[in-house]
Amino acid sequence: MHPAHRIWALTLATAGFFVVSACGGGTTTSQNLAAPAKQILNVNDGTEPNSYDPTQQTYTYEAGVGREVFETLLKSNAQGTDVMPAAAESYKVSDDGLTYTFKLRSGAKWSDGKAVTAADWAYGYQHLLNPALAAGYVDPFFDTTIKGADGYADVDVSKASAIDTFLQGLGLSAPDPNTFVITLQHPAAFFKWVVTLWVAEPIRKDIVEQAAGGSFPSSDTTKAEIWAQKAETVIGNGPFKISEIVPKDHVTLVPNPNYWGGAPHLQKIIEWFIADANTAYAKYQTGDLDAITVPLANVDVVRNDPKLSKEAKVYPKLTTFWMTFNAQRTPFDKPDVRMAFAKSIDRDKLNKQVQHDIQQSILSFIPKGMAGYDPSDKAQSFDAAAAKALLQKAGVAADTLNKFKVLTRNTTRNKTLNQFIVDQWNNNLGLNMQLEVIDSKTVTSRIRKGDFDIYGPDGWGADYPDQQDWFDVFFKNSCHSLNWGCVDLPGYDDLVKKADTELDQNARNKDYATAQKQLIDSAAVAFIFQDYEYNLIKPYVGGLSITASDDQSLPGNFFWHDPYITEH
């Protein structure tokens, strides 16, 4: 899981991801495919990865490389409705839901030609779960699910013996070279999605030790990562391999000649590290980049340009944003007061006037494009008169609310969004509230201490399209963590925990729906909009399958084995 402010899509025909096929030059034939030497895709990853070891990656710009060079056991299908085979050709779950057995693809090889074995998978998962390395995605995905991993946070990382004992006690086994078995602490129907996370990869022990100059104690965090610093030693099992790393500039990927799925059309993918969106926009116009996210200031320019407008794609991201009320401060402990604020925001006007009509209004927690999305509950819909009545019902006079401020990160987008929202509250509730704009680091420190009245926009983005990834945000023990407002939701935690461990999907869906209704109807937060991405993609880039789960500014990258460049 990831907070939407940390990691970073028109009509959906079905529940599941919206898939946009960017066909470029049309049906691919030998006549319209560009020559192999021109099968090059230039994209902007925005930021240089902190590591090329996938297990140690955290951010979307790191995943943009990691998921191409390595391949997980399973992956999401293009619709996001279920998992599909990837490095494992099949899997089965025991009747008690505790044992997952993965049959690996026979003949699968690493990029250097050696066979991928179950022992490589066991080592990769142990590397991920080594407490000394403190990988960002271990908690809560792996330490709360895999047998023996619940002691992850308590291991003395200064002692190799303690680490080794912990790793050897994990529910990971390789009974034969083509079978990898994971045993869980408790039933978890969502675990099939956990293994789709790009950080859960096989790693070659011999590569790691060779790069380190020999074996080393598990407490040595420096030697454990030497292998991931050079292109020639980042040996993966994915469709591409790294051929070049140019620090602070770009990384180049080329086909893995030994990939089980065959050779891709693309002969080179260059991921540039261009932090400035305006620079990337300029490079798209000169043809140096083949796909970009349009800077907000240029959205109308693109829409009105006869050429660029035809190259634009809008698609949903599985990310929801909201405003958080500090429920530990009176009167925000009262649901009617929170609901009054929620109902006094004209979300449609917000998205049209401030966000160029790219983002879409939402009144629920689970976003459009994911199982569990249900727009039927309109409790938080805009109604200024009803909002005022709720304040009166709660016995709260408008002028007593003017002392409260909206804590705002000092970025152009956050200031613009929050000024619109506070103006809505002032106009629709008869208030005179103000923003409190400060630097982002201080905002983060203050929300962790509960030192705020109202904060936002806050949000959540899916790591995988299962509702389990979402609802624990509002657990009681997440107070001052992700549940910044510390809202009290009687019975909520137990209901969600029940849904998390149930094996019957229908029962899970019913419980999650009840939990979502509680969030909406109690105005735990004020849901405001779902994030969409507005991209430009060159018409000669064909075969893209764009999903709501693609990494930021990398359209279709969950299925980059399939795209191609047409003659142009």
Protein backbone atom coordinates (compact mmCIF):
# COMPACT_ATOMS: atom_id res chain seq x y z
CA MET A 1 0.00 0.00 0.00
CA HIS A 2 1.12 3.52 -0.51
CA PRO A 3 -0.16 6.93 0.40
CA ALA A 4 -1.22 8.72 -2.76
CA HIS A 5 1.01 11.69 -1.95
CA ARG A 6 4.03 9.40 -1.97
CA ILE A 7 3.77 7.20 -5.03
CA TRP A 8 2.55 8.10 -8.04
CA ALA A 9 -6.64 7.19 -16.46
CA LEU A 10 -13.12 7.64 -20.04
CA THR A 11 -15.95 5.45 -19.41
CA LEU A 12 -15.44 2.01 -17.93
CA ALA A 13 -17.39 -0.72 -19.59
CA THR A 14 -16.88 -3.22 -16.78
CA ALA A 15 -15.57 -3.39 -13.25
CA GLY A 16 -11.86 -3.79 -13.60
CA PHE A 17 -9.12 -1.78 -15.24
CA PHE A 18 -9.96 0.41 -18.18
CA VAL A 19 -7.68 -0.75 -20.96
CA VAL A 20 -6.80 1.65 -23.74
CA SER A 21 -5.29 0.11 -26.81
CA ALA A 22 -2.92 2.56 -28.38
CA CYS A 23 -2.67 1.08 -31.82
CA GLY A 24 -0.50 3.70 -33.46
CA GLY A 25 -0.19 2.78 -37.09
CA GLY A 26 -3.00 0.25 -36.90
CA THR A 27 -2.80 -3.50 -37.29
CA THR A 28 0.80 -4.58 -37.07
CA THR A 29 2.12 -6.16 -40.27
CA SER A 30 5.54 -6.69 -41.75
CA GLN A 31 4.76 -3.72 -44.02
CA ASN A 32 4.16 -1.07 -41.34
CA LEU A 33 6.56 -2.18 -38.62
CA ALA A 34 9.62 -0.01 -38.38
CA ALA A 35 12.97 -1.69 -38.92
CA PRO A 36 14.51 -3.41 -35.86
CA ALA A 37 17.04 -0.59 -35.49
CA LYS A 38 14.14 1.85 -35.06
CA GLN A 39 12.23 -0.23 -32.51
CA ILE A 40 13.17 2.21 -29.76
CA LEU A 41 10.80 3.60 -27.14
CA ASN A 42 11.82 6.78 -25.32
CA VAL A 43 9.89 7.53 -22.13
CA ASN A 44 10.32 9.70 -19.07
CA ASP A 45 10.62 7.89 -15.74
CA GLY A 46 11.07 11.22 -13.98
CA THR A 47 13.51 10.18 -11.28
CA GLU A 48 16.52 7.92 -11.07
CA PRO A 49 15.87 4.72 -9.06
CA ASN A 50 17.53 4.56 -5.67
CA SER A 51 18.34 0.91 -6.36
CA TYR A 52 18.19 -1.56 -9.22
CA ASP A 53 17.57 -4.38 -6.75
CA PRO A 54 13.78 -4.82 -7.12
CA THR A 55 13.37 -6.05 -3.55
CA GLN A 56 14.73 -2.75 -2.25
CA GLN A 57 12.57 -0.53 -4.44
CA THR A 58 9.59 1.47 -3.16
CA TYR A 59 8.53 4.14 -5.64
CA THR A 60 6.71 4.04 -8.97
CA TYR A 61 9.74 5.35 -10.88
CA GLU A 62 11.72 2.39 -9.50
CA ALA A 63 8.99 -0.07 -10.41
CA GLY A 64 9.15 1.32 -13.93
CA VAL A 65 12.52 -0.40 -14.29
CA GLY A 66 12.17 -3.30 -11.88
CA ARG A 67 9.06 -4.85 -13.41
CA GLU A 68 10.69 -4.97 -16.88
CA VAL A 69 13.97 -6.56 -15.76
CA PHE A 70 12.41 -9.05 -13.34
CA GLU A 71 9.17 -11.05 -13.49
CA THR A 72 6.95 -12.02 -10.57
CA LEU A 73 5.29 -15.40 -10.05
CA LEU A 74 1.92 -14.02 -11.14
CA LYS A 75 0.77 -10.73 -12.66
CA SER A 76 -2.52 -8.89 -13.04
CA ASN A 77 -4.44 -9.50 -16.22
CA ALA A 78 -5.05 -6.46 -18.39
CA GLN A 79 -8.56 -5.97 -16.99
CA GLY A 80 -7.38 -6.13 -13.37
CA THR A 81 -10.05 -8.71 -12.57
CA ASP A 82 -7.71 -11.54 -11.62
CA VAL A 83 -4.13 -12.72 -11.69
CA MET A 84 -2.58 -14.57 -14.61
CA PRO A 85 0.52 -16.77 -14.96
CA ALA A 86 3.87 -15.05 -15.24
CA ALA A 87 7.07 -16.73 -14.03
CA ALA A 88 4.86 -19.46 -12.55
CA GLU A 89 2.82 -21.34 -15.13
CA SER A 90 0.28 -22.37 -12.48
CA TYR A 91 -0.44 -22.32 -8.77
CA LYS A 92 -2.76 -23.98 -6.29
CA VAL A 93 -3.97 -23.12 -2.82
CA SER A 94 -4.57 -25.69 -0.11
CA ASP A 95 -8.11 -26.18 1.20
CA ASP A 96 -7.24 -24.38 4.44
CA GLY A 97 -5.88 -21.40 2.50
CA LEU A 98 -2.47 -21.63 4.17
CA THR A 99 -0.24 -23.12 1.45
CA TYR A 100 0.44 -21.65 -1.98
CA THR A 101 2.28 -23.97 -4.37
CA PHE A 102 3.73 -22.42 -7.51
CA LYS A 103 4.83 -24.49 -10.49
CA LEU A 104 7.56 -22.55 -12.27
CA ARG A 105 7.83 -22.43 -16.03
CA SER A 106 10.04 -25.25 -17.24
CA GLY A 107 12.91 -23.94 -19.32
CA ALA A 108 12.72 -20.43 -17.89
CA LYS A 109 16.14 -18.77 -17.88
CA TRP A 110 17.94 -15.78 -16.47
CA SER A 111 19.21 -13.11 -18.83
CA ASP A 112 22.65 -14.76 -18.71
CA GLY A 113 21.23 -18.11 -19.84
CA LYS A 114 21.19 -20.04 -16.57
CA ALA A 115 18.02 -21.84 -15.50
CA VAL A 116 15.69 -20.12 -13.02
CA THR A 117 15.13 -22.46 -10.09
CA ALA A 118 12.86 -22.56 -7.05
CA ALA A 119 15.95 -22.03 -4.91
CA ASP A 120 16.41 -18.66 -6.63
CA TRP A 121 12.86 -17.74 -5.62
CA ALA A 122 13.43 -18.79 -2.03
CA TYR A 123 16.63 -16.74 -1.90
CA GLY A 124 14.90 -13.73 -3.49
CA TYR A 125 12.12 -13.77 -0.91
CA GLN A 126 14.65 -14.19 1.90
CA HIS A 127 16.62 -11.25 0.51
CA LEU A 128 13.43 -9.18 0.49
CA LEU A 129 12.64 -10.21 4.06
CA ASN A 130 16.14 -9.69 5.47
CA PRO A 131 15.40 -7.26 8.33
CA ALA A 132 18.85 -5.69 8.03
CA LEU A 133 18.01 -4.41 4.54
CA ALA A 134 14.73 -2.87 5.76
CA ALA A 135 12.97 -3.10 2.38
CA GLY A 136 10.14 -0.59 2.09
CA TYR A 137 7.45 -3.03 0.94
CA VAL A 138 7.92 -5.82 3.51
CA ASP A 139 5.43 -4.29 5.92
CA PRO A 140 2.51 -4.94 5.71
CA PHE A 141 2.45 -7.21 2.68
CA PHE A 142 4.91 -9.94 3.61
CA ASP A 143 5.61 -9.73 7.33
CA THR A 144 1.91 -10.03 8.16
CA THR A 145 1.21 -12.93 5.78
CA ILE A 146 4.16 -15.32 5.36
CA LYS A 147 4.62 -17.85 8.14
CA GLY A 148 7.43 -16.88 10.50
CA ALA A 149 7.66 -13.33 9.16
CA ASP A 150 5.58 -11.82 11.97
CA GLY A 151 8.78 -11.43 14.01
CA TYR A 152 10.39 -9.28 11.30
CA ALA A 153 10.42 -6.07 13.32
CA ASP A 154 11.90 -7.75 16.41
CA VAL A 155 15.05 -9.24 14.86
CA ASP A 156 18.38 -7.91 16.15
CA VAL A 157 19.81 -6.79 12.81
CA SER A 158 23.29 -6.35 14.27
CA LYS A 159 23.60 -10.13 14.70
CA ALA A 160 23.87 -12.30 11.60
CA SER A 161 22.92 -15.35 13.64
CA ALA A 162 19.60 -13.76 14.62
CA ILE A 163 18.89 -12.80 11.01
CA ASP A 164 19.78 -16.28 9.75
CA THR A 165 17.51 -17.93 12.30
CA PHE A 166 14.66 -15.67 11.26
CA LEU A 167 15.17 -16.27 7.53
CA GLN A 168 15.47 -20.03 7.93
CA GLY A 169 12.21 -20.08 9.86
CA LEU A 170 10.18 -18.45 7.10
CA GLY A 171 7.47 -20.42 5.34
CA LEU A 172 9.45 -20.66 2.10
CA SER A 173 10.55 -23.93 0.52
CA ALA A 174 11.77 -25.36 -2.78
CA PRO A 175 10.95 -29.10 -2.77
CA ASP A 176 12.25 -29.42 -6.34
CA PRO A 177 13.79 -27.05 -8.90
CA ASN A 178 10.40 -26.23 -10.47
CA THR A 179 8.26 -25.95 -7.33
CA PHE A 180 8.21 -22.99 -4.94
CA VAL A 181 5.99 -23.21 -1.85
CA ILE A 182 4.89 -20.37 0.43
CA THR A 183 3.15 -21.13 3.74
CA LEU A 184 1.08 -18.42 5.40
CA GLN A 185 0.41 -17.42 9.00
CA HIS A 186 -3.35 -17.34 8.36
CA PRO A 187 -5.72 -17.67 5.41
CA ALA A 188 -5.41 -14.69 3.06
CA ALA A 189 -7.40 -14.87 -0.18
CA PHE A 190 -5.62 -11.72 -1.33
CA PHE A 191 -2.14 -13.28 -1.16
CA LYS A 192 -2.29 -14.12 -4.88
CA TRP A 193 -2.12 -10.35 -5.38
CA VAL A 194 0.76 -9.90 -2.95
CA VAL A 195 2.99 -12.07 -5.14
CA THR A 196 2.27 -9.77 -8.10
CA LEU A 197 4.14 -6.91 -6.38
CA TRP A 198 7.26 -6.14 -8.40
CA VAL A 199 9.46 -6.36 -5.28
CA ALA A 200 8.75 -10.10 -4.89
CA GLU A 201 11.31 -11.51 -7.32
CA PRO A 202 13.87 -14.29 -7.62
CA ILE A 203 17.50 -13.33 -7.06
CA ARG A 204 20.65 -15.27 -7.87
CA LYS A 205 22.73 -15.94 -4.78
CA ASP A 206 25.85 -16.63 -6.85
CA ILE A 207 25.53 -13.24 -8.60
CA VAL A 208 25.13 -11.41 -5.30
CA GLU A 209 28.11 -13.16 -3.69
CA GLN A 210 30.34 -12.86 -6.75
CA ALA A 211 29.77 -9.12 -6.91
CA ALA A 212 30.51 -8.88 -3.19
CA GLY A 213 33.80 -10.76 -3.56
CA GLY A 214 32.54 -13.89 -1.79
CA SER A 215 30.06 -14.90 0.88
CA PHE A 216 29.27 -12.39 3.62
CA PRO A 217 27.21 -12.24 6.82
CA SER A 218 23.50 -11.48 6.42
CA SER A 219 23.96 -8.40 8.59
CA ASP A 220 26.22 -6.77 5.97
CA THR A 221 23.93 -4.40 4.11
CA THR A 222 26.64 -2.98 1.86
CA LYS A 223 27.89 -6.18 0.27
CA ALA A 224 24.31 -7.39 -0.15
CA GLU A 225 23.64 -4.60 -2.66
CA ILE A 226 26.86 -4.30 -4.70
CA TRP A 227 25.44 -6.52 -7.45
CA ALA A 228 22.62 -4.02 -8.11
CA GLN A 229 24.95 -1.13 -8.94
CA LYS A 230 26.16 -2.18 -12.40
CA ALA A 231 24.21 -3.11 -15.52
CA GLU A 232 26.28 -6.22 -16.14
CA THR A 233 25.51 -7.73 -12.75
CA VAL A 234 21.77 -6.95 -12.66
CA ILE A 235 20.76 -10.36 -13.97
CA GLY A 236 16.98 -10.73 -14.22
CA ASN A 237 14.29 -13.11 -15.44
CA GLY A 238 12.05 -10.49 -17.10
CA PRO A 239 11.47 -9.62 -20.77
CA PHE A 240 14.22 -6.98 -20.76
CA LYS A 241 17.65 -6.50 -19.23
CA ILE A 242 19.66 -3.42 -18.39
CA SER A 243 22.33 -2.60 -20.95
CA GLU A 244 23.32 0.84 -19.71
CA ILE A 245 23.00 2.95 -16.58
CA VAL A 246 23.90 6.63 -16.97
CA PRO A 247 23.55 8.18 -13.50
CA LYS A 248 21.22 11.19 -13.28
CA ASP A 249 20.34 10.83 -16.97
CA HIS A 250 18.82 7.53 -18.14
CA VAL A 251 18.75 3.75 -18.05
CA THR A 252 18.57 1.65 -21.21
CA LEU A 253 16.75 -1.67 -21.47
CA VAL A 254 17.22 -4.23 -24.23
CA PRO A 255 15.51 -7.60 -24.80
CA ASN A 256 16.42 -10.53 -22.56
CA PRO A 257 17.37 -13.09 -25.25
CA ASN A 258 16.47 -15.94 -22.91
CA TYR A 259 13.00 -14.79 -21.83
CA TRP A 260 10.47 -17.64 -21.94
CA GLY A 261 7.84 -15.46 -23.66
CA GLY A 262 9.92 -14.87 -26.76
CA ALA A 263 11.51 -11.74 -28.16
CA PRO A 264 9.63 -8.43 -27.92
CA HIS A 265 9.32 -6.09 -30.91
CA LEU A 266 11.04 -3.27 -29.04
CA GLN A 267 14.81 -3.52 -29.27
CA LYS A 268 15.48 -0.74 -26.82
CA ILE A 269 13.58 1.15 -24.12
CA ILE A 270 15.26 4.29 -22.82
CA GLU A 271 13.86 5.57 -19.54
CA TRP A 272 14.97 9.15 -18.98
CA PHE A 273 15.21 10.82 -15.58
CA ILE A 274 13.68 14.22 -16.42
CA ALA A 275 12.28 15.76 -13.25
CA ASP A 276 10.84 18.90 -14.86
CA ALA A 277 7.51 18.19 -16.59
CA ASN A 278 7.88 21.24 -18.85
CA THR A 279 11.23 19.95 -20.12
CA ALA A 280 9.68 16.57 -20.85
CA TYR A 281 6.80 18.29 -22.67
CA ALA A 282 9.27 20.18 -24.86
CA LYS A 283 11.17 16.98 -25.62
CA TYR A 284 7.94 15.26 -26.68
CA GLN A 285 7.30 18.05 -29.15
CA THR A 286 10.80 17.69 -30.63
CA GLY A 287 10.40 13.89 -30.89
CA ASP A 288 12.96 13.06 -28.22
CA LEU A 289 10.26 11.41 -26.08
CA ASP A 290 7.49 9.13 -27.31
CA ALA A 291 5.16 9.44 -24.30
CA ILE A 292 4.72 11.93 -21.46
CA THR A 293 2.24 13.11 -18.85
CA VAL A 294 0.93 16.52 -19.88
CA PRO A 295 1.80 19.30 -17.40
CA LEU A 296 -1.39 20.74 -15.91
CA ALA A 297 -0.61 24.19 -17.31
CA ASN A 298 -0.50 22.76 -20.85
CA VAL A 299 -3.70 20.72 -20.77
CA ASP A 300 -5.80 23.34 -22.59
CA VAL A 301 -3.01 23.92 -25.09
CA VAL A 302 -2.99 20.21 -25.95
CA ARG A 303 -6.79 20.03 -26.15
CA ASN A 304 -6.89 22.94 -28.59
CA ASP A 305 -3.98 21.79 -30.72
CA PRO A 306 -5.20 19.93 -33.88
CA LYS A 307 -2.21 17.59 -33.84
CA LEU A 308 -1.52 17.04 -30.13
CA SER A 309 -5.18 16.57 -29.23
CA LYS A 310 -5.24 13.44 -31.41
CA GLU A 311 -2.26 12.04 -29.53
CA ALA A 312 -3.76 12.57 -26.07
CA LYS A 313 -4.98 9.71 -23.87
CA VAL A 314 -6.89 10.05 -20.61
CA TYR A 315 -7.21 7.05 -18.35
CA PRO A 316 -8.07 6.33 -14.70
CA LYS A 317 -5.62 5.59 -11.96
CA LEU A 318 -6.64 3.52 -8.95
CA THR A 319 -6.17 6.49 -6.62
CA THR A 320 -8.72 8.34 -4.48
CA PHE A 321 -8.18 11.70 -2.77
CA TRP A 322 -9.98 13.17 0.23
CA MET A 323 -9.92 15.83 2.95
CA THR A 324 -9.13 14.66 6.48
CA PHE A 325 -10.73 16.08 9.65
CA ASN A 326 -9.01 15.75 13.00
CA ALA A 327 -11.62 13.76 14.89
CA GLN A 328 -9.69 14.28 18.12
CA ARG A 329 -10.63 17.96 18.03
CA THR A 330 -14.16 19.10 18.80
CA PRO A 331 -16.42 19.45 16.83
CA PHE A 332 -14.85 17.20 14.16
CA ASP A 333 -15.51 14.24 16.44
CA LYS A 334 -19.16 14.63 15.39
CA PRO A 335 -20.15 12.80 12.17
CA ASP A 336 -22.76 15.46 11.34
CA VAL A 337 -20.11 18.19 11.37
CA ARG A 338 -17.77 16.19 9.14
CA MET A 339 -20.67 15.43 6.81
CA ALA A 340 -21.58 19.12 6.64
CA PHE A 341 -18.08 19.88 5.36
CA ALA A 342 -18.20 16.91 2.96
CA LYS A 343 -21.54 18.03 1.48
CA SER A 344 -20.48 21.64 0.99
CA ILE A 345 -17.85 20.92 -1.69
CA ASP A 346 -18.96 21.20 -5.32
CA ARG A 347 -16.59 18.53 -6.63
CA ASP A 348 -17.63 18.90 -10.27
CA LYS A 349 -16.83 22.60 -10.18
CA LEU A 350 -13.51 21.83 -8.47
CA ASN A 351 -12.44 19.46 -11.21
CA LYS A 352 -13.65 21.67 -14.06
CA GLN A 353 -12.28 24.98 -12.80
CA VAL A 354 -9.11 23.88 -11.04
CA GLN A 355 -8.08 20.54 -12.54
CA HIS A 356 -8.96 21.17 -16.19
CA ASP A 357 -11.67 18.48 -16.03
CA ILE A 358 -9.12 15.66 -15.96
CA GLN A 359 -9.71 14.32 -12.47
CA GLN A 360 -13.19 12.99 -11.78
CA SER A 361 -15.46 13.58 -8.79
CA ILE A 362 -15.91 10.68 -6.40
CA LEU A 363 -18.12 10.16 -3.36
CA SER A 364 -16.72 6.78 -2.33
CA PHE A 365 -13.48 5.21 -1.13
CA ILE A 366 -12.84 2.50 -3.75
CA PRO A 367 -12.10 4.11 -7.13
CA LYS A 368 -13.77 3.50 -10.44
CA GLY A 369 -12.06 0.70 -12.32
CA MET A 370 -11.66 -1.62 -9.34
CA ALA A 371 -13.79 -4.33 -7.74
CA GLY A 372 -15.76 -2.72 -4.92
CA TYR A 373 -16.44 0.57 -6.68
CA ASP A 374 -20.03 1.53 -5.88
CA PRO A 375 -21.33 5.03 -6.71
CA SER A 376 -24.78 4.37 -5.29
CA ASP A 377 -24.18 5.93 -1.86
CA LYS A 378 -24.69 9.68 -2.38
CA ALA A 379 -24.47 10.66 1.30
CA GLN A 380 -21.57 13.07 0.64
CA SER A 381 -23.05 14.64 -2.51
CA PHE A 382 -23.01 18.44 -2.82
CA ASP A 383 -25.96 20.06 -1.08
CA ALA A 384 -25.23 23.38 0.62
CA ALA A 385 -28.63 23.65 2.28
CA ALA A 386 -28.40 20.16 3.74
CA ALA A 387 -24.85 20.93 4.91
CA LYS A 388 -26.02 23.99 6.86
CA ALA A 389 -28.85 21.94 8.38
CA LEU A 390 -26.35 19.33 9.59
CA LEU A 391 -24.34 22.00 11.42
CA GLN A 392 -27.52 23.24 13.05
CA LYS A 393 -28.47 19.68 14.01
CA ALA A 394 -25.03 19.21 15.59
CA GLY A 395 -25.49 22.41 17.60
CA VAL A 396 -22.45 24.05 16.03
CA ALA A 397 -22.55 27.74 15.18
CA ALA A 398 -20.74 28.71 12.00
CA ASP A 399 -18.68 31.44 13.65
CA THR A 400 -17.13 28.91 16.08
CA LEU A 401 -15.50 27.16 13.12
CA ASN A 402 -13.54 30.16 11.86
CA LYS A 403 -10.61 29.46 14.17
CA PHE A 404 -9.86 26.21 12.34
CA LYS A 405 -7.37 26.14 9.47
CA VAL A 406 -6.69 23.84 6.53
CA LEU A 407 -3.12 22.50 6.73
CA THR A 408 -1.69 22.73 3.22
CA ARG A 409 1.56 21.62 1.61
CA ASN A 410 3.42 24.48 -0.05
CA THR A 411 3.03 23.31 -3.64
CA THR A 412 1.16 25.11 -6.38
CA ARG A 413 -1.34 22.28 -6.88
CA ASN A 414 -2.10 21.81 -3.18
CA LYS A 415 -2.50 25.52 -2.56
CA THR A 416 -4.82 25.93 -5.55
CA LEU A 417 -6.95 22.92 -4.64
CA ASN A 418 -7.28 23.84 -0.99
CA GLN A 419 -8.04 27.49 -1.68
CA PHE A 420 -10.96 26.39 -3.84
CA ILE A 421 -12.15 23.97 -1.15
CA VAL A 422 -11.90 26.48 1.70
CA ASP A 423 -13.73 29.04 -0.46
CA GLN A 424 -16.49 26.46 -0.92
CA TRP A 425 -16.77 26.00 2.83
CA ASN A 426 -16.75 29.74 3.45
CA ASN A 427 -19.38 30.44 0.81
CA ASN A 428 -21.65 27.45 1.43
CA LEU A 429 -21.45 27.28 5.22
CA GLY A 430 -21.06 30.98 5.96
CA LEU A 431 -17.54 30.63 7.36
CA ASN A 432 -14.32 32.62 7.23
CA MET A 433 -11.69 29.88 7.39
CA GLN A 434 -8.11 30.23 6.17
CA LEU A 435 -5.36 28.04 4.75
CA GLU A 436 -2.21 27.31 6.73
CA VAL A 437 0.45 26.85 4.07
CA ILE A 438 3.82 25.45 5.16
CA ASP A 439 6.60 23.32 3.73
CA SER A 440 5.85 19.69 2.98
CA LYS A 441 8.33 18.26 5.49
CA THR A 442 6.72 20.18 8.34
CA VAL A 443 3.24 19.15 7.20
CA THR A 444 4.26 15.50 7.35
CA SER A 445 5.70 15.96 10.82
CA ARG A 446 2.57 17.68 12.08
CA ILE A 447 0.02 15.20 10.74
CA ARG A 448 2.01 12.39 12.36
CA LYS A 449 1.55 14.22 15.67
CA GLY A 450 -2.11 15.01 15.05
CA ASP A 451 -1.25 18.71 15.03
CA PHE A 452 -3.84 19.96 12.53
CA ASP A 453 -7.54 20.81 12.17
CA ILE A 454 -8.19 19.78 8.56
CA TYR A 455 -5.60 18.36 6.19
CA GLY A 456 -5.56 17.44 2.53
CA PRO A 457 -5.74 16.49 -0.14
CA ASP A 458 -4.70 13.13 1.24
CA GLY A 459 -5.27 9.88 -0.57
CA TRP A 460 -4.53 6.28 -1.35
CA GLY A 461 -3.37 4.47 -4.48
CA ALA A 462 -3.72 0.74 -5.13
CA ASP A 463 -0.72 -1.53 -5.00
CA TYR A 464 -2.93 -4.22 -6.50
CA PRO A 465 -6.66 -4.28 -7.30
CA ASP A 466 -7.90 -6.10 -4.20
CA GLN A 467 -9.88 -4.23 -1.56
CA GLN A 468 -7.72 -5.64 1.23
CA ASP A 469 -5.08 -3.18 0.09
CA TRP A 470 -7.32 -0.27 1.10
CA PHE A 471 -9.46 -0.62 4.18
CA ASP A 472 -6.84 -0.91 6.92
CA VAL A 473 -5.94 2.74 6.21
CA PHE A 474 -8.71 3.65 8.65
CA PHE A 475 -7.89 1.13 11.40
CA LYS A 476 -7.83 2.48 14.92
CA ASN A 477 -4.14 1.54 15.28
CA SER A 478 -3.39 3.61 12.18
CA CYS A 479 -4.15 6.78 14.15
CA HIS A 480 -1.40 9.34 13.42
CA SER A 481 -0.12 6.94 10.77
CA LEU A 482 -2.44 6.69 7.78
CA ASN A 483 -5.66 7.35 9.64
CA TRP A 484 -4.40 10.87 10.28
CA GLY A 485 -7.71 12.11 11.63
CA CYS A 486 -8.01 9.19 14.10
CA VAL A 487 -11.72 8.87 13.37
CA ASP A 488 -13.60 6.42 15.60
CA LEU A 489 -15.43 3.72 13.61
CA PRO A 490 -17.13 1.20 15.94
CA GLY A 491 -16.85 -2.37 14.66
CA TYR A 492 -14.94 -1.31 11.54
CA ASP A 493 -11.60 -2.96 12.34
CA ASP A 494 -13.11 -6.36 13.16
CA LEU A 495 -15.27 -6.31 10.04
CA VAL A 496 -12.32 -5.54 7.76
CA LYS A 497 -10.08 -8.13 9.43
CA LYS A 498 -12.83 -10.71 8.89
CA ALA A 499 -13.02 -9.78 5.21
CA ASP A 500 -9.24 -9.97 4.88
CA THR A 501 -9.09 -13.58 6.06
CA GLU A 502 -12.24 -14.95 4.43
CA LEU A 503 -11.74 -17.34 1.53
CA ASP A 504 -15.23 -16.85 0.06
CA GLN A 505 -14.92 -13.90 -2.33
CA ASN A 506 -18.63 -13.06 -2.20
CA ALA A 507 -18.50 -12.89 1.60
CA ARG A 508 -15.41 -10.69 1.40
CA ASN A 509 -17.09 -8.32 -1.05
CA LYS A 510 -20.16 -8.02 1.17
CA ASP A 511 -18.08 -7.15 4.25
CA TYR A 512 -15.94 -4.64 2.39
CA ALA A 513 -19.11 -2.99 1.01
CA THR A 514 -20.40 -2.61 4.56
CA ALA A 515 -17.10 -1.10 5.66
CA GLN A 516 -17.11 1.36 2.76
CA LYS A 517 -20.66 2.45 3.59
CA GLN A 518 -19.53 3.15 7.16
CA LEU A 519 -16.69 5.34 5.90
CA ILE A 520 -18.99 7.31 3.59
CA ASP A 521 -22.00 7.67 5.88
CA SER A 522 -19.96 8.72 8.92
CA ALA A 523 -17.88 11.10 6.77
CA ALA A 524 -14.72 9.54 8.13
CA VAL A 525 -13.16 11.80 5.49
CA ALA A 526 -14.62 13.89 2.66
CA PHE A 527 -13.95 12.03 -0.58
CA ILE A 528 -13.32 14.50 -3.40
CA PHE A 529 -11.79 13.10 -6.59
CA GLN A 530 -10.23 10.15 -8.39
CA ASP A 531 -6.91 10.69 -10.10
CA TYR A 532 -6.70 10.39 -13.88
CA GLU A 533 -3.60 10.63 -16.04
CA TYR A 534 -3.50 12.77 -19.19
CA ASN A 535 -0.76 11.53 -21.48
CA LEU A 536 0.57 12.24 -24.93
CA ILE A 537 1.62 9.18 -26.92
CA LYS A 538 3.15 9.31 -30.38
CA PRO A 539 0.88 7.75 -33.04
CA TYR A 540 3.67 5.46 -34.22
CA VAL A 541 3.75 3.66 -30.84
CA GLY A 542 1.49 0.65 -31.31
CA GLY A 543 0.37 -2.33 -29.26
CA LEU A 544 0.13 -0.59 -25.90
CA SER A 545 -2.31 -2.01 -23.36
CA ILE A 546 -2.82 0.88 -20.97
CA THR A 547 -4.24 -0.04 -17.57
CA ALA A 548 -5.15 1.89 -14.46
CA SER A 549 -2.26 0.26 -12.65
CA ASP A 550 0.54 1.41 -14.96
CA ASP A 551 3.42 3.19 -13.32
CA GLN A 552 3.30 6.96 -13.43
CA SER A 553 3.96 8.46 -16.89
CA LEU A 554 4.80 5.00 -18.29
CA PRO A 555 1.62 4.06 -20.20
CA GLY A 556 1.15 0.35 -20.82
CA ASN A 557 4.29 -0.66 -18.98
CA PHE A 558 2.66 -3.70 -17.34
CA PHE A 559 2.69 -5.23 -20.83
CA TRP A 560 5.71 -3.70 -22.56
CA HIS A 561 6.64 -7.05 -24.08
CA ASP A 562 3.97 -6.42 -26.74
CA PRO A 563 4.33 -2.82 -28.07
CA TYR A 564 6.06 -1.90 -31.31
CA ILE A 565 7.09 1.11 -33.39
CA THR A 566 5.55 1.59 -36.82
CA GLU A 567 7.14 3.35 -39.75
CA HIS A 568 6.98 7.12 -39.47
